Amino acid sequence: MFRTALKRLLNKWKSYRYRFVPWVVLNLSRNEKTLRQVQERSKDKLVPDEEVSQSLLQLFRALLRSQWAPHGELRAAQTHFLRHVTSEEDQCGGNPVSGADAMLQSLGFCIDRKPSTLPSAGTGVFVTKGFVPKGVTVAMYPGTIYQAYEPILLQSIRNPFVFRCIDGVLIDGNDKGISKMVFKSCSGRDRMGPYMMSDISWLTGSPQNPLAVGQYVNNCSNESPANVCYQEYDVPHKFPIELRQYLPNVNYSHDTQRPLRCVVLVSLRDITAGEELFSNYYTIVH
């Protein structure tokens, strides 16, 4: 009984320790090859925001095209926009496609959650089809966005999915418990007429935006170096309202004046099908 409880505790610790700041500081020297260092807060971007926007728009338009009603007609609230986005050749030939198919067609690769190759790491994220070139958006980190001055104590208890941005903004990527309830509540609050301003399907096992699994990317090591890294991305005000339904992030406060903060994971090298994605859970800012 005691051994079983101890084993469970050790497995929890092995997963959580990479987010426990004192442990991270004491072990920086053991991960010198994997450390990411940023000279200034404004110079953390490996991929320009314009290219991130283009990738997201490309995928979201493909997802929107795939959303057909049961009788073959498009959703009424989206018809006027689809007349524009379907002016390009629709690779799916007018038939409904899954999120994975839309991702493969628009970005050239698919990712999905599977058991990690790392011992005791639980779930990981893998490239399942296609090819990921260096310097492209590979995944998104979903969750509720908290400004540095907003309360997150209750949500953070026993929560290994709280991501801290360089400027102190926090993203709660937990898809269970109180974190799940908060996200669903904020998402429903921000709805504008027929348009959802965020995607709540990432809280399920089948997210309609297949990029929204970034919270399950495991930490790298010297043996398994990082092949992706986190990059902060503020959604521009001109981002089409019809496509915001696929953004897996929502502000905790309705009156937040800042642009919606997202975090994407971008590829550090070419990644082939079958490889697991590894990031670095900590960045040194000089």
Protein backbone atom coordinates (compact mmCIF):
# COMPACT_ATOMS: atom_id res chain seq x y z
CA MET A 1 0.00 0.00 0.00
CA PHE A 2 2.75 2.43 1.00
CA ARG A 3 4.90 1.48 -2.00
CA THR A 4 1.97 2.04 -4.36
CA ALA A 5 1.26 5.48 -2.90
CA LEU A 6 4.97 6.37 -3.02
CA LYS A 7 5.20 5.26 -6.65
CA ARG A 8 2.21 7.43 -7.60
CA LEU A 9 3.73 10.39 -5.78
CA LEU A 10 7.06 9.96 -7.58
CA ASN A 11 5.33 9.74 -10.97
CA LYS A 12 3.42 12.97 -10.20
CA TRP A 13 6.64 14.66 -9.15
CA LYS A 14 8.50 13.60 -12.30
CA SER A 15 5.79 15.28 -14.37
CA TYR A 16 5.43 18.40 -12.21
CA ARG A 17 9.08 19.16 -11.36
CA TYR A 18 9.76 20.91 -14.66
CA ARG A 19 7.27 23.60 -13.62
CA PHE A 20 8.56 23.90 -10.03
CA VAL A 21 10.84 26.97 -10.10
CA PRO A 22 13.24 25.99 -7.24
CA TRP A 23 13.88 22.60 -8.85
CA VAL A 24 14.38 24.22 -12.26
CA VAL A 25 16.97 26.68 -10.88
CA LEU A 26 18.92 23.91 -9.15
CA ASN A 27 19.00 21.80 -12.31
CA LEU A 28 19.77 24.39 -14.99
CA SER A 29 23.35 23.15 -15.31
CA ARG A 30 22.10 19.65 -16.13
CA ASN A 31 20.22 20.92 -19.17
CA GLU A 32 22.70 23.37 -20.69
CA LYS A 33 22.23 21.96 -24.17
CA THR A 34 18.47 22.50 -24.07
CA LEU A 35 18.27 25.92 -22.42
CA ARG A 36 16.69 28.68 -24.48
CA GLN A 37 18.11 32.13 -23.85
CA VAL A 38 16.52 35.41 -24.91
CA GLN A 39 18.52 38.64 -24.89
CA GLU A 40 15.49 40.92 -24.59
CA ARG A 41 11.76 40.43 -24.02
CA SER A 42 11.04 41.89 -27.46
CA LYS A 43 13.37 39.41 -29.21
CA ASP A 44 11.82 36.07 -28.35
CA LYS A 45 10.18 35.49 -31.73
CA LEU A 46 11.73 33.00 -34.12
CA VAL A 47 8.83 33.33 -36.58
CA PRO A 48 7.32 36.74 -37.45
CA ASP A 49 3.77 37.31 -36.18
CA GLU A 50 2.63 37.79 -39.77
CA GLU A 51 3.69 34.25 -40.63
CA VAL A 52 1.97 32.85 -37.52
CA SER A 53 -1.21 34.69 -38.52
CA GLN A 54 -0.98 33.33 -42.05
CA SER A 55 -0.66 29.72 -40.82
CA LEU A 56 -3.60 30.09 -38.46
CA LEU A 57 -5.78 31.74 -41.11
CA GLN A 58 -4.91 29.03 -43.60
CA LEU A 59 -5.94 26.27 -41.21
CA PHE A 60 -9.00 28.04 -39.82
CA ARG A 61 -10.34 28.74 -43.31
CA ALA A 62 -9.94 25.05 -44.14
CA LEU A 63 -11.79 24.15 -40.93
CA LEU A 64 -14.57 26.59 -41.75
CA ARG A 65 -14.98 25.16 -45.26
CA SER A 66 -15.33 21.69 -43.75
CA GLN A 67 -18.25 22.65 -41.50
CA TRP A 68 -21.20 21.56 -43.63
CA ALA A 69 -24.74 21.28 -42.32
CA PRO A 70 -26.44 17.82 -42.45
CA HIS A 71 -28.23 18.60 -45.73
CA GLY A 72 -25.17 19.93 -47.49
CA GLU A 73 -25.92 23.60 -46.87
CA LEU A 74 -23.52 25.90 -45.10
CA ARG A 75 -24.30 27.36 -41.72
CA ALA A 76 -26.29 30.52 -42.36
CA ALA A 77 -24.15 32.71 -40.14
CA GLN A 78 -21.04 31.78 -42.13
CA THR A 79 -22.36 31.82 -45.69
CA HIS A 80 -21.23 35.33 -46.61
CA PHE A 81 -17.71 34.62 -45.41
CA LEU A 82 -17.50 31.24 -47.12
CA ARG A 83 -18.26 32.86 -50.48
CA HIS A 84 -14.94 34.58 -50.05
CA VAL A 85 -12.79 31.78 -48.60
CA THR A 86 -14.07 29.17 -51.05
CA SER A 87 -12.94 31.27 -54.01
CA GLU A 88 -9.76 29.23 -53.79
CA GLU A 89 -9.77 25.60 -54.91
CA ASP A 90 -11.21 23.50 -52.07
CA GLN A 91 -8.96 20.48 -51.75
CA CYS A 92 -11.62 18.42 -50.03
CA GLY A 93 -13.79 18.50 -53.17
CA GLY A 94 -16.88 19.79 -51.37
CA ASN A 95 -17.06 16.90 -48.93
CA PRO A 96 -16.83 17.21 -45.16
CA VAL A 97 -13.33 16.66 -43.77
CA SER A 98 -12.03 16.17 -40.26
CA GLY A 99 -9.82 18.62 -38.43
CA ALA A 100 -6.84 16.35 -39.07
CA ASP A 101 -7.62 16.25 -42.80
CA ALA A 102 -7.97 20.03 -42.91
CA MET A 103 -4.65 20.37 -41.12
CA LEU A 104 -2.88 18.00 -43.51
CA GLN A 105 -4.33 19.78 -46.54
CA SER A 106 -3.60 23.30 -45.36
CA LEU A 107 -0.34 22.91 -43.40
CA GLY A 108 1.12 19.69 -44.78
CA PHE A 109 1.23 17.74 -41.50
CA CYS A 110 -0.91 16.40 -38.65
CA ILE A 111 -0.27 16.22 -34.92
CA ASP A 112 -2.08 14.24 -32.24
CA ARG A 113 -1.84 13.16 -28.60
CA LYS A 114 -0.39 9.74 -27.81
CA PRO A 115 1.45 8.06 -24.92
CA SER A 116 4.85 9.71 -24.63
CA THR A 117 8.09 7.91 -25.40
CA LEU A 118 9.48 9.27 -22.12
CA PRO A 119 9.11 7.07 -19.03
CA SER A 120 6.40 8.32 -16.63
CA ALA A 121 5.68 11.33 -18.86
CA GLY A 122 2.09 10.35 -19.60
CA THR A 123 0.62 11.93 -22.71
CA GLY A 124 2.77 13.49 -25.43
CA VAL A 125 2.22 15.11 -28.81
CA PHE A 126 3.45 13.52 -32.04
CA VAL A 127 3.63 14.39 -35.72
CA THR A 128 1.41 11.65 -37.13
CA LYS A 129 1.41 12.49 -40.84
CA GLY A 130 3.28 14.68 -43.27
CA PHE A 131 6.39 16.77 -42.73
CA VAL A 132 7.03 19.83 -40.54
CA PRO A 133 9.63 22.22 -41.98
CA LYS A 134 11.77 24.39 -39.74
CA GLY A 135 10.24 27.69 -38.68
CA VAL A 136 6.49 27.03 -38.86
CA THR A 137 3.63 27.00 -36.35
CA VAL A 138 3.17 23.43 -35.08
CA ALA A 139 0.75 23.76 -32.13
CA MET A 140 -1.06 26.20 -29.84
CA TYR A 141 -1.16 26.39 -26.04
CA PRO A 142 -4.87 26.62 -25.14
CA GLY A 143 -6.41 28.04 -22.00
CA THR A 144 -7.70 31.03 -20.05
CA ILE A 145 -5.54 34.16 -20.17
CA TYR A 146 -4.78 35.88 -16.86
CA GLN A 147 -3.08 39.26 -16.66
CA ALA A 148 -0.34 39.51 -14.04
CA TYR A 149 -2.69 41.28 -11.59
CA GLU A 150 -5.61 38.80 -11.89
CA PRO A 151 -6.35 36.03 -9.35
CA ILE A 152 -5.43 32.47 -10.24
CA LEU A 153 -4.69 30.90 -6.85
CA LEU A 154 -7.54 28.39 -6.75
CA GLN A 155 -7.08 27.40 -10.39
CA SER A 156 -3.34 26.85 -9.91
CA ILE A 157 -3.61 24.34 -7.05
CA ARG A 158 -2.26 20.97 -8.23
CA ASN A 159 -2.26 22.35 -11.76
CA PRO A 160 0.86 21.60 -13.85
CA PHE A 161 -0.56 23.36 -16.94
CA VAL A 162 -0.13 27.02 -15.96
CA PHE A 163 2.17 28.67 -18.53
CA ARG A 164 3.94 31.93 -17.65
CA CYS A 165 4.71 34.36 -20.47
CA ILE A 166 7.78 36.59 -20.39
CA ASP A 167 5.71 39.62 -19.34
CA GLY A 168 3.97 37.79 -16.49
CA VAL A 169 0.75 36.93 -18.33
CA LEU A 170 -0.42 33.42 -17.37
CA ILE A 171 -2.24 30.82 -19.47
CA ASP A 172 -4.14 28.07 -17.66
CA GLY A 173 -4.10 25.11 -20.03
CA ASN A 174 -5.76 22.62 -17.68
CA ASP A 175 -8.75 20.92 -19.35
CA LYS A 176 -10.27 19.62 -16.11
CA GLY A 177 -11.82 20.82 -12.85
CA ILE A 178 -12.26 24.48 -12.01
CA SER A 179 -10.01 25.52 -14.91
CA LYS A 180 -12.43 23.87 -17.34
CA MET A 181 -15.42 25.58 -15.71
CA VAL A 182 -13.75 29.01 -15.87
CA PHE A 183 -12.88 28.68 -19.55
CA LYS A 184 -16.39 27.57 -20.56
CA SER A 185 -17.93 30.43 -18.58
CA CYS A 186 -15.65 33.08 -20.11
CA SER A 187 -16.13 31.66 -23.60
CA GLY A 188 -19.94 31.84 -23.35
CA ARG A 189 -19.71 35.37 -21.97
CA ASP A 190 -17.78 36.69 -24.98
CA ARG A 191 -20.06 35.34 -27.69
CA MET A 192 -21.13 37.94 -30.29
CA GLY A 193 -24.46 37.03 -31.86
CA PRO A 194 -23.97 33.83 -33.91
CA TYR A 195 -20.19 34.00 -33.53
CA MET A 196 -18.19 32.30 -30.81
CA MET A 197 -15.02 34.21 -29.93
CA SER A 198 -13.15 31.11 -28.78
CA ASP A 199 -13.08 27.34 -29.12
CA ILE A 200 -14.12 25.21 -26.15
CA SER A 201 -13.69 21.87 -27.94
CA TRP A 202 -10.04 21.66 -26.78
CA LEU A 203 -11.54 20.74 -23.39
CA THR A 204 -12.65 17.43 -24.95
CA GLY A 205 -10.76 14.54 -26.46
CA SER A 206 -11.53 15.77 -29.99
CA PRO A 207 -10.63 19.46 -30.46
CA GLN A 208 -11.99 20.94 -33.68
CA ASN A 209 -8.78 22.96 -33.92
CA PRO A 210 -6.16 20.18 -34.09
CA LEU A 211 -3.38 22.61 -33.11
CA ALA A 212 -4.86 23.08 -29.63
CA VAL A 213 -2.88 20.35 -27.86
CA GLY A 214 0.29 22.30 -27.04
CA GLN A 215 -0.15 21.91 -23.27
CA TYR A 216 0.68 18.21 -23.66
CA VAL A 217 4.07 18.75 -25.31
CA ASN A 218 6.66 17.29 -22.94
CA ASN A 219 9.85 18.86 -21.67
CA CYS A 220 13.07 18.10 -23.50
CA SER A 221 16.33 16.72 -22.12
CA ASN A 222 19.91 16.42 -23.27
CA GLU A 223 18.97 12.99 -24.66
CA SER A 224 15.80 14.30 -26.37
CA PRO A 225 16.56 17.89 -27.42
CA ALA A 226 13.80 20.40 -28.10
CA ASN A 227 12.43 20.41 -31.63
CA VAL A 228 9.82 23.13 -30.93
CA CYS A 229 9.77 26.24 -28.75
CA TYR A 230 7.12 28.52 -27.28
CA GLN A 231 6.45 31.90 -28.86
CA GLU A 232 4.04 34.56 -27.64
CA TYR A 233 1.55 35.85 -30.19
CA ASP A 234 -1.01 38.62 -29.75
CA VAL A 235 -4.02 38.15 -32.02
CA PRO A 236 -4.36 41.27 -34.24
CA HIS A 237 -7.60 43.24 -34.06
CA LYS A 238 -8.14 42.65 -37.80
CA PHE A 239 -8.30 38.85 -37.29
CA PRO A 240 -11.58 37.81 -39.01
CA ILE A 241 -14.45 37.52 -36.55
CA GLU A 242 -15.72 34.37 -38.30
CA LEU A 243 -12.45 32.57 -37.57
CA ARG A 244 -12.08 33.49 -33.91
CA GLN A 245 -14.25 30.48 -33.06
CA TYR A 246 -11.11 28.34 -33.54
CA LEU A 247 -8.89 30.28 -31.12
CA PRO A 248 -8.42 28.09 -28.01
CA ASN A 249 -7.84 31.05 -25.70
CA VAL A 250 -10.08 33.50 -23.85
CA ASN A 251 -9.42 36.41 -21.49
CA TYR A 252 -10.38 35.90 -17.86
CA SER A 253 -11.61 39.51 -17.63
CA HIS A 254 -14.09 40.79 -20.17
CA ASP A 255 -12.76 44.36 -20.02
CA THR A 256 -9.14 43.52 -20.81
CA GLN A 257 -7.88 46.19 -23.20
CA ARG A 258 -4.87 44.26 -24.47
CA PRO A 259 -5.05 42.03 -27.58
CA LEU A 260 -5.83 38.38 -26.93
CA ARG A 261 -2.61 36.63 -25.94
CA CYS A 262 -1.88 33.27 -27.49
CA VAL A 263 1.20 31.08 -27.28
CA VAL A 264 2.19 28.99 -30.27
CA LEU A 265 4.86 26.35 -30.62
CA VAL A 266 7.14 26.76 -33.63
CA SER A 267 9.52 24.20 -35.09
CA LEU A 268 13.25 24.55 -34.42
CA ARG A 269 14.16 22.06 -37.14
CA ASP A 270 12.57 19.79 -39.73
CA ILE A 271 10.34 17.20 -38.03
CA THR A 272 9.18 14.00 -39.69
CA ALA A 273 6.13 11.80 -39.11
CA GLY A 274 6.45 9.61 -36.03
CA GLU A 275 8.55 12.05 -34.00
CA GLU A 276 7.41 13.31 -30.62
CA LEU A 277 7.43 17.05 -29.99
CA PHE A 278 9.68 18.31 -27.20
CA SER A 279 9.85 21.87 -25.91
CA ASN A 280 11.82 23.59 -23.19
CA TYR A 281 9.75 24.48 -20.14
CA TYR A 282 12.03 27.35 -19.15
CA THR A 283 13.67 30.31 -20.87
CA ILE A 284 16.46 32.51 -19.52
CA VAL A 285 15.82 36.23 -20.15
CA HIS A 286 18.94 38.41 -19.92
